[in-house]
Amino acid sequence: MILTIGFAFALGVLLPVLMDSFKESRERAAWATSIIVGVFCFLGPVMSALLNRFGFRITTILGCLLCSVGLAAGSFAANIVILYIAFSLPFAVGLSFIYVSSPIIMTHYFTKRRSFALGLVTAGQGLGTMMLGQLYRR
């Protein structure tokens, strides 16, 4: 959660870099992050149905692979529209898989200290946003 959700929510720090790299306006560069958040939130119910169908191991692994593919493909984007397709969409789908399955994994494996484990997982979102935002600045 630190690296996936934190990465997605700290992307606003990279907005000036995207604007300079692709020579685009602020609005067009911000769409890269907006697509991630929009698709990520929109696919929540779909991902929970897939989680029920295939189990949390497969969905989590698939989510990590999609995030990795999105990051790798986005690094080769020649223009901003290709970045939307190659980075934002796969990363958002993978992020949705991970976000839906993480709390379920915690409740599956922890019985005694379930609330503490779930608290650590959800705290990873804010911690990742805070840490990665500072790392992006450098």
N, C-alpha and C. Protein backbone atom coordinates (compact mmCIF):
# COMPACT_ATOMS: atom_id res chain seq x y z
N MET A 1 0.83 -1.19 0.00
CA MET A 1 0.00 0.00 0.00
C MET A 1 0.87 1.25 0.00
N ILE A 2 2.04 1.15 0.63
CA ILE A 2 2.92 2.32 0.66
C ILE A 2 3.34 2.69 -0.76
N LEU A 3 3.76 1.71 -1.52
CA LEU A 3 4.27 2.00 -2.86
C LEU A 3 3.17 2.19 -3.90
N THR A 4 2.08 1.49 -3.80
CA THR A 4 1.06 1.59 -4.84
C THR A 4 0.14 2.79 -4.62
N ILE A 5 -0.58 2.79 -3.52
CA ILE A 5 -1.49 3.89 -3.24
C ILE A 5 -0.71 5.18 -3.00
N GLY A 6 0.39 5.06 -2.26
CA GLY A 6 1.23 6.23 -2.02
C GLY A 6 1.75 6.83 -3.31
N PHE A 7 2.14 5.98 -4.25
CA PHE A 7 2.62 6.46 -5.54
C PHE A 7 1.52 7.20 -6.29
N ALA A 8 0.33 6.62 -6.31
CA ALA A 8 -0.77 7.22 -7.06
C ALA A 8 -1.19 8.56 -6.46
N PHE A 9 -1.24 8.65 -5.16
CA PHE A 9 -1.70 9.89 -4.53
C PHE A 9 -0.63 10.96 -4.45
N ALA A 10 0.62 10.58 -4.64
CA ALA A 10 1.71 11.57 -4.61
C ALA A 10 2.12 12.02 -6.01
N LEU A 11 1.42 11.56 -7.02
CA LEU A 11 1.77 11.93 -8.40
C LEU A 11 1.60 13.42 -8.68
N GLY A 12 0.83 14.11 -7.90
CA GLY A 12 0.67 15.55 -8.10
C GLY A 12 1.97 16.31 -7.98
N VAL A 13 2.90 15.76 -7.22
CA VAL A 13 4.21 16.40 -7.08
C VAL A 13 4.96 16.35 -8.40
N LEU A 14 4.68 15.33 -9.21
CA LEU A 14 5.36 15.19 -10.50
C LEU A 14 4.68 15.96 -11.63
N LEU A 15 3.65 16.69 -11.34
CA LEU A 15 2.93 17.43 -12.36
C LEU A 15 3.84 18.39 -13.15
N PRO A 16 4.69 19.19 -12.49
CA PRO A 16 5.59 20.05 -13.27
C PRO A 16 6.56 19.26 -14.16
N VAL A 17 6.98 18.10 -13.69
CA VAL A 17 7.87 17.26 -14.49
C VAL A 17 7.15 16.76 -15.73
N LEU A 18 5.90 16.33 -15.58
CA LEU A 18 5.12 15.88 -16.73
C LEU A 18 4.87 17.02 -17.70
N MET A 19 4.60 18.20 -17.18
CA MET A 19 4.38 19.35 -18.04
C MET A 19 5.63 19.68 -18.86
N ASP A 20 6.78 19.64 -18.23
CA ASP A 20 8.02 19.94 -18.94
C ASP A 20 8.42 18.83 -19.91
N SER A 21 8.26 17.60 -19.51
CA SER A 21 8.68 16.47 -20.34
C SER A 21 7.87 16.37 -21.63
N PHE A 22 6.58 16.58 -21.52
CA PHE A 22 5.71 16.42 -22.68
C PHE A 22 5.31 17.75 -23.31
N LYS A 23 5.78 18.86 -22.75
CA LYS A 23 5.44 20.20 -23.26
C LYS A 23 3.93 20.37 -23.37
N GLU A 24 3.25 20.06 -22.28
CA GLU A 24 1.79 20.11 -22.24
C GLU A 24 1.33 21.10 -21.18
N SER A 25 0.05 21.45 -21.27
CA SER A 25 -0.53 22.35 -20.27
C SER A 25 -0.74 21.60 -18.96
N ARG A 26 -1.00 22.37 -17.93
CA ARG A 26 -1.24 21.79 -16.61
C ARG A 26 -2.45 20.85 -16.64
N GLU A 27 -3.49 21.25 -17.35
CA GLU A 27 -4.71 20.45 -17.38
C GLU A 27 -4.48 19.10 -18.06
N ARG A 28 -3.79 19.11 -19.20
CA ARG A 28 -3.55 17.85 -19.90
C ARG A 28 -2.60 16.95 -19.13
N ALA A 29 -1.63 17.52 -18.46
CA ALA A 29 -0.70 16.71 -17.66
C ALA A 29 -1.40 16.13 -16.43
N ALA A 30 -2.34 16.87 -15.88
CA ALA A 30 -3.06 16.39 -14.68
C ALA A 30 -3.99 15.23 -15.00
N TRP A 31 -4.33 15.05 -16.26
CA TRP A 31 -5.20 13.94 -16.62
C TRP A 31 -4.55 12.60 -16.32
N ALA A 32 -3.23 12.51 -16.34
CA ALA A 32 -2.56 11.24 -16.04
C ALA A 32 -2.93 10.76 -14.64
N THR A 33 -2.92 11.65 -13.69
CA THR A 33 -3.30 11.30 -12.32
C THR A 33 -4.81 11.15 -12.19
N SER A 34 -5.56 11.99 -12.87
CA SER A 34 -7.02 11.92 -12.78
C SER A 34 -7.56 10.62 -13.32
N ILE A 35 -6.97 10.12 -14.39
CA ILE A 35 -7.40 8.84 -14.95
C ILE A 35 -7.14 7.72 -13.95
N ILE A 36 -5.99 7.77 -13.30
CA ILE A 36 -5.68 6.74 -12.30
C ILE A 36 -6.71 6.72 -11.19
N VAL A 37 -7.00 7.88 -10.62
CA VAL A 37 -7.93 7.94 -9.49
C VAL A 37 -9.35 7.58 -9.94
N GLY A 38 -9.76 8.06 -11.11
CA GLY A 38 -11.11 7.78 -11.59
C GLY A 38 -11.33 6.31 -11.88
N VAL A 39 -10.41 5.70 -12.62
CA VAL A 39 -10.54 4.28 -12.96
C VAL A 39 -10.42 3.42 -11.71
N PHE A 40 -9.50 3.79 -10.84
CA PHE A 40 -9.28 3.06 -9.59
C PHE A 40 -10.56 3.02 -8.76
N CYS A 41 -11.23 4.14 -8.63
CA CYS A 41 -12.47 4.19 -7.83
C CYS A 41 -13.64 3.52 -8.56
N PHE A 42 -13.72 3.72 -9.86
CA PHE A 42 -14.82 3.17 -10.64
C PHE A 42 -14.80 1.64 -10.68
N LEU A 43 -13.62 1.05 -10.69
CA LEU A 43 -13.51 -0.40 -10.82
C LEU A 43 -13.61 -1.17 -9.49
N GLY A 44 -13.81 -0.49 -8.40
CA GLY A 44 -13.91 -1.17 -7.10
C GLY A 44 -14.90 -2.32 -7.06
N PRO A 45 -16.16 -2.10 -7.48
CA PRO A 45 -17.12 -3.20 -7.46
C PRO A 45 -16.75 -4.34 -8.41
N VAL A 46 -16.19 -4.01 -9.55
CA VAL A 46 -15.78 -5.04 -10.51
C VAL A 46 -14.65 -5.88 -9.92
N MET A 47 -13.70 -5.21 -9.28
CA MET A 47 -12.57 -5.92 -8.71
C MET A 47 -13.00 -6.81 -7.54
N SER A 48 -13.98 -6.36 -6.77
CA SER A 48 -14.44 -7.21 -5.68
C SER A 48 -15.14 -8.47 -6.22
N ALA A 49 -15.83 -8.35 -7.34
CA ALA A 49 -16.44 -9.53 -7.96
C ALA A 49 -15.35 -10.48 -8.47
N LEU A 50 -14.31 -9.93 -9.08
CA LEU A 50 -13.19 -10.76 -9.54
C LEU A 50 -12.46 -11.40 -8.37
N LEU A 51 -12.36 -10.67 -7.27
CA LEU A 51 -11.73 -11.21 -6.07
C LEU A 51 -12.52 -12.40 -5.53
N ASN A 52 -13.82 -12.28 -5.51
CA ASN A 52 -14.66 -13.40 -5.07
C ASN A 52 -14.55 -14.59 -6.02
N ARG A 53 -14.38 -14.32 -7.28
CA ARG A 53 -14.30 -15.39 -8.29
C ARG A 53 -12.97 -16.11 -8.29
N PHE A 54 -11.85 -15.37 -8.23
CA PHE A 54 -10.53 -15.96 -8.41
C PHE A 54 -9.69 -16.05 -7.14
N GLY A 55 -10.09 -15.38 -6.07
CA GLY A 55 -9.32 -15.42 -4.83
C GLY A 55 -8.34 -14.26 -4.75
N PHE A 56 -7.88 -14.00 -3.53
CA PHE A 56 -7.05 -12.82 -3.33
C PHE A 56 -5.62 -13.00 -3.80
N ARG A 57 -5.11 -14.23 -3.86
CA ARG A 57 -3.73 -14.42 -4.31
C ARG A 57 -3.57 -14.04 -5.78
N ILE A 58 -4.44 -14.56 -6.60
CA ILE A 58 -4.35 -14.29 -8.04
C ILE A 58 -4.60 -12.82 -8.32
N THR A 59 -5.59 -12.24 -7.67
CA THR A 59 -5.90 -10.84 -7.94
C THR A 59 -4.79 -9.91 -7.45
N THR A 60 -4.18 -10.23 -6.33
CA THR A 60 -3.08 -9.39 -5.84
C THR A 60 -1.86 -9.49 -6.75
N ILE A 61 -1.53 -10.69 -7.17
CA ILE A 61 -0.39 -10.87 -8.08
C ILE A 61 -0.66 -10.18 -9.41
N LEU A 62 -1.87 -10.33 -9.92
CA LEU A 62 -2.23 -9.66 -11.16
C LEU A 62 -2.18 -8.14 -11.01
N GLY A 63 -2.63 -7.64 -9.86
CA GLY A 63 -2.56 -6.20 -9.60
C GLY A 63 -1.13 -5.69 -9.57
N CYS A 64 -0.25 -6.43 -8.92
CA CYS A 64 1.17 -6.02 -8.88
C CYS A 64 1.79 -6.05 -10.27
N LEU A 65 1.45 -7.06 -11.05
CA LEU A 65 1.97 -7.15 -12.42
C LEU A 65 1.46 -6.00 -13.28
N LEU A 66 0.18 -5.67 -13.15
CA LEU A 66 -0.37 -4.57 -13.93
C LEU A 66 0.25 -3.23 -13.54
N CYS A 67 0.49 -3.03 -12.25
CA CYS A 67 1.16 -1.80 -11.82
C CYS A 67 2.57 -1.73 -12.40
N SER A 68 3.28 -2.85 -12.38
CA SER A 68 4.64 -2.89 -12.93
C SER A 68 4.64 -2.63 -14.43
N VAL A 69 3.70 -3.24 -15.13
CA VAL A 69 3.60 -3.03 -16.58
C VAL A 69 3.28 -1.58 -16.88
N GLY A 70 2.38 -0.99 -16.12
CA GLY A 70 2.04 0.41 -16.32
C GLY A 70 3.22 1.33 -16.10
N LEU A 71 3.98 1.09 -15.05
CA LEU A 71 5.17 1.91 -14.79
C LEU A 71 6.21 1.75 -15.88
N ALA A 72 6.44 0.51 -16.30
CA ALA A 72 7.44 0.26 -17.34
C ALA A 72 7.00 0.85 -18.68
N ALA A 73 5.76 0.62 -19.06
CA ALA A 73 5.27 1.13 -20.35
C ALA A 73 5.19 2.65 -20.35
N GLY A 74 4.85 3.23 -19.22
CA GLY A 74 4.78 4.68 -19.14
C GLY A 74 6.13 5.36 -19.30
N SER A 75 7.18 4.66 -18.96
CA SER A 75 8.51 5.26 -19.10
C SER A 75 8.92 5.39 -20.56
N PHE A 76 8.25 4.68 -21.46
CA PHE A 76 8.55 4.77 -22.89
C PHE A 76 7.58 5.67 -23.65
N ALA A 77 6.66 6.32 -22.96
CA ALA A 77 5.65 7.13 -23.64
C ALA A 77 6.29 8.33 -24.34
N ALA A 78 5.92 8.50 -25.60
CA ALA A 78 6.48 9.60 -26.40
C ALA A 78 5.63 10.86 -26.30
N ASN A 79 4.34 10.71 -26.02
CA ASN A 79 3.48 11.88 -25.82
C ASN A 79 2.49 11.60 -24.70
N ILE A 80 1.74 12.61 -24.35
CA ILE A 80 0.89 12.52 -23.16
C ILE A 80 -0.27 11.55 -23.36
N VAL A 81 -0.79 11.42 -24.56
CA VAL A 81 -1.91 10.50 -24.81
C VAL A 81 -1.44 9.05 -24.65
N ILE A 82 -0.24 8.77 -25.12
CA ILE A 82 0.34 7.44 -24.92
C ILE A 82 0.56 7.18 -23.43
N LEU A 83 0.93 8.19 -22.68
CA LEU A 83 1.09 8.05 -21.23
C LEU A 83 -0.24 7.69 -20.58
N TYR A 84 -1.31 8.31 -21.03
CA TYR A 84 -2.64 7.98 -20.49
C TYR A 84 -2.94 6.50 -20.68
N ILE A 85 -2.66 6.01 -21.88
CA ILE A 85 -3.01 4.63 -22.21
C ILE A 85 -2.02 3.63 -21.63
N ALA A 86 -0.73 3.92 -21.77
CA ALA A 86 0.30 2.95 -21.38
C ALA A 86 0.56 2.95 -19.88
N PHE A 87 0.41 4.08 -19.21
CA PHE A 87 0.70 4.15 -17.79
C PHE A 87 -0.56 4.21 -16.94
N SER A 88 -1.41 5.18 -17.21
CA SER A 88 -2.54 5.44 -16.30
C SER A 88 -3.53 4.29 -16.23
N LEU A 89 -3.91 3.74 -17.37
CA LEU A 89 -4.92 2.68 -17.35
C LEU A 89 -4.44 1.39 -16.70
N PRO A 90 -3.29 0.81 -17.11
CA PRO A 90 -2.88 -0.43 -16.43
C PRO A 90 -2.56 -0.22 -14.95
N PHE A 91 -1.95 0.93 -14.64
CA PHE A 91 -1.63 1.19 -13.24
C PHE A 91 -2.89 1.31 -12.41
N ALA A 92 -3.92 1.96 -12.95
CA ALA A 92 -5.17 2.12 -12.21
C ALA A 92 -5.88 0.79 -11.99
N VAL A 93 -5.88 -0.07 -12.99
CA VAL A 93 -6.52 -1.38 -12.84
C VAL A 93 -5.77 -2.22 -11.80
N GLY A 94 -4.45 -2.21 -11.88
CA GLY A 94 -3.65 -2.93 -10.89
C GLY A 94 -3.83 -2.38 -9.50
N LEU A 95 -3.90 -1.07 -9.40
CA LEU A 95 -4.11 -0.42 -8.12
C LEU A 95 -5.45 -0.80 -7.51
N SER A 96 -6.45 -0.90 -8.35
CA SER A 96 -7.77 -1.29 -7.87
C SER A 96 -7.76 -2.73 -7.35
N PHE A 97 -7.08 -3.63 -8.05
CA PHE A 97 -6.93 -5.00 -7.56
C PHE A 97 -6.28 -5.02 -6.18
N ILE A 98 -5.19 -4.29 -6.03
CA ILE A 98 -4.44 -4.30 -4.78
C ILE A 98 -5.24 -3.66 -3.65
N TYR A 99 -5.89 -2.55 -3.95
CA TYR A 99 -6.63 -1.82 -2.93
C TYR A 99 -7.80 -2.64 -2.38
N VAL A 100 -8.48 -3.36 -3.25
CA VAL A 100 -9.63 -4.16 -2.81
C VAL A 100 -9.17 -5.39 -2.04
N SER A 101 -8.08 -6.01 -2.48
CA SER A 101 -7.67 -7.27 -1.86
C SER A 101 -6.89 -7.11 -0.56
N SER A 102 -6.24 -6.00 -0.35
CA SER A 102 -5.40 -5.83 0.85
C SER A 102 -6.14 -5.99 2.17
N PRO A 103 -7.27 -5.31 2.38
CA PRO A 103 -7.97 -5.51 3.66
C PRO A 103 -8.51 -6.93 3.82
N ILE A 104 -8.89 -7.56 2.73
CA ILE A 104 -9.41 -8.92 2.81
C ILE A 104 -8.32 -9.90 3.20
N ILE A 105 -7.13 -9.68 2.68
CA ILE A 105 -5.99 -10.53 3.06
C ILE A 105 -5.71 -10.40 4.55
N MET A 106 -5.76 -9.19 5.08
CA MET A 106 -5.50 -8.99 6.51
C MET A 106 -6.55 -9.69 7.36
N THR A 107 -7.80 -9.59 6.97
CA THR A 107 -8.84 -10.24 7.78
C THR A 107 -8.78 -11.76 7.64
N HIS A 108 -8.21 -12.26 6.57
CA HIS A 108 -8.09 -13.70 6.38
C HIS A 108 -6.99 -14.30 7.26
N TYR A 109 -5.87 -13.62 7.38
CA TYR A 109 -4.73 -14.18 8.09
C TYR A 109 -4.63 -13.78 9.56
N PHE A 110 -5.24 -12.69 9.94
CA PHE A 110 -5.14 -12.24 11.33
C PHE A 110 -6.48 -12.38 12.02
N THR A 111 -6.47 -13.07 13.16
CA THR A 111 -7.70 -13.20 13.93
C THR A 111 -7.59 -12.49 15.26
N LYS A 112 -6.45 -12.65 15.95
CA LYS A 112 -6.31 -12.02 17.26
C LYS A 112 -6.13 -10.51 17.16
N ARG A 113 -5.20 -10.08 16.38
CA ARG A 113 -4.89 -8.65 16.27
C ARG A 113 -5.30 -8.11 14.90
N ARG A 114 -6.48 -8.46 14.50
CA ARG A 114 -6.98 -8.07 13.19
C ARG A 114 -7.08 -6.56 13.04
N SER A 115 -7.57 -5.88 14.03
CA SER A 115 -7.73 -4.43 13.91
C SER A 115 -6.37 -3.73 13.82
N PHE A 116 -5.37 -4.24 14.53
CA PHE A 116 -4.03 -3.65 14.46
C PHE A 116 -3.42 -3.88 13.07
N ALA A 117 -3.57 -5.09 12.54
CA ALA A 117 -3.04 -5.40 11.21
C ALA A 117 -3.73 -4.56 10.14
N LEU A 118 -5.03 -4.43 10.24
CA LEU A 118 -5.78 -3.63 9.28
C LEU A 118 -5.41 -2.15 9.39
N GLY A 119 -5.15 -1.71 10.62
CA GLY A 119 -4.70 -0.33 10.81
C GLY A 119 -3.35 -0.07 10.18
N LEU A 120 -2.44 -1.05 10.28
CA LEU A 120 -1.12 -0.89 9.64
C LEU A 120 -1.24 -0.83 8.12
N VAL A 121 -2.10 -1.67 7.57
CA VAL A 121 -2.27 -1.67 6.12
C VAL A 121 -2.85 -0.35 5.63
N THR A 122 -3.87 0.12 6.29
CA THR A 122 -4.48 1.37 5.83
C THR A 122 -3.61 2.58 6.14
N ALA A 123 -2.78 2.49 7.17
CA ALA A 123 -1.85 3.59 7.45
C ALA A 123 -0.77 3.68 6.38
N GLY A 124 -0.53 2.57 5.69
CA GLY A 124 0.45 2.57 4.61
C GLY A 124 0.09 3.52 3.49
N GLN A 125 -1.20 3.77 3.27
CA GLN A 125 -1.62 4.70 2.23
C GLN A 125 -1.12 6.11 2.52
N GLY A 126 -1.42 6.58 3.71
CA GLY A 126 -0.99 7.93 4.08
C GLY A 126 0.51 8.04 4.22
N LEU A 127 1.12 7.00 4.76
CA LEU A 127 2.57 7.00 4.92
C LEU A 127 3.26 7.01 3.56
N GLY A 128 2.74 6.23 2.62
CA GLY A 128 3.32 6.21 1.28
C GLY A 128 3.17 7.54 0.57
N THR A 129 2.02 8.17 0.72
CA THR A 129 1.81 9.49 0.11
C THR A 129 2.77 10.51 0.71
N MET A 130 2.94 10.46 2.00
CA MET A 130 3.82 11.40 2.68
C MET A 130 5.28 11.17 2.29
N MET A 131 5.72 9.93 2.30
CA MET A 131 7.13 9.62 2.00
C MET A 131 7.45 9.83 0.53
N LEU A 132 6.61 9.31 -0.36
CA LEU A 132 6.91 9.41 -1.78
C LEU A 132 6.79 10.83 -2.29
N GLY A 133 5.90 11.62 -1.71
CA GLY A 133 5.81 13.03 -2.07
C GLY A 133 7.11 13.75 -1.82
N GLN A 134 7.74 13.45 -0.70
CA GLN A 134 9.03 14.07 -0.39
C GLN A 134 10.15 13.53 -1.28
N LEU A 135 10.10 12.25 -1.60
CA LEU A 135 11.13 11.66 -2.47
C LEU A 135 11.02 12.19 -3.90
N TYR A 136 9.82 12.45 -4.38
CA TYR A 136 9.63 12.98 -5.73
C TYR A 136 10.22 14.37 -5.87
N ARG A 137 10.20 15.13 -4.81
CA ARG A 137 10.71 16.51 -4.86
C ARG A 137 12.21 16.55 -5.13
N ARG A 138 12.90 15.53 -4.75
CA ARG A 138 14.37 15.55 -4.87
C ARG A 138 14.81 15.11 -6.18
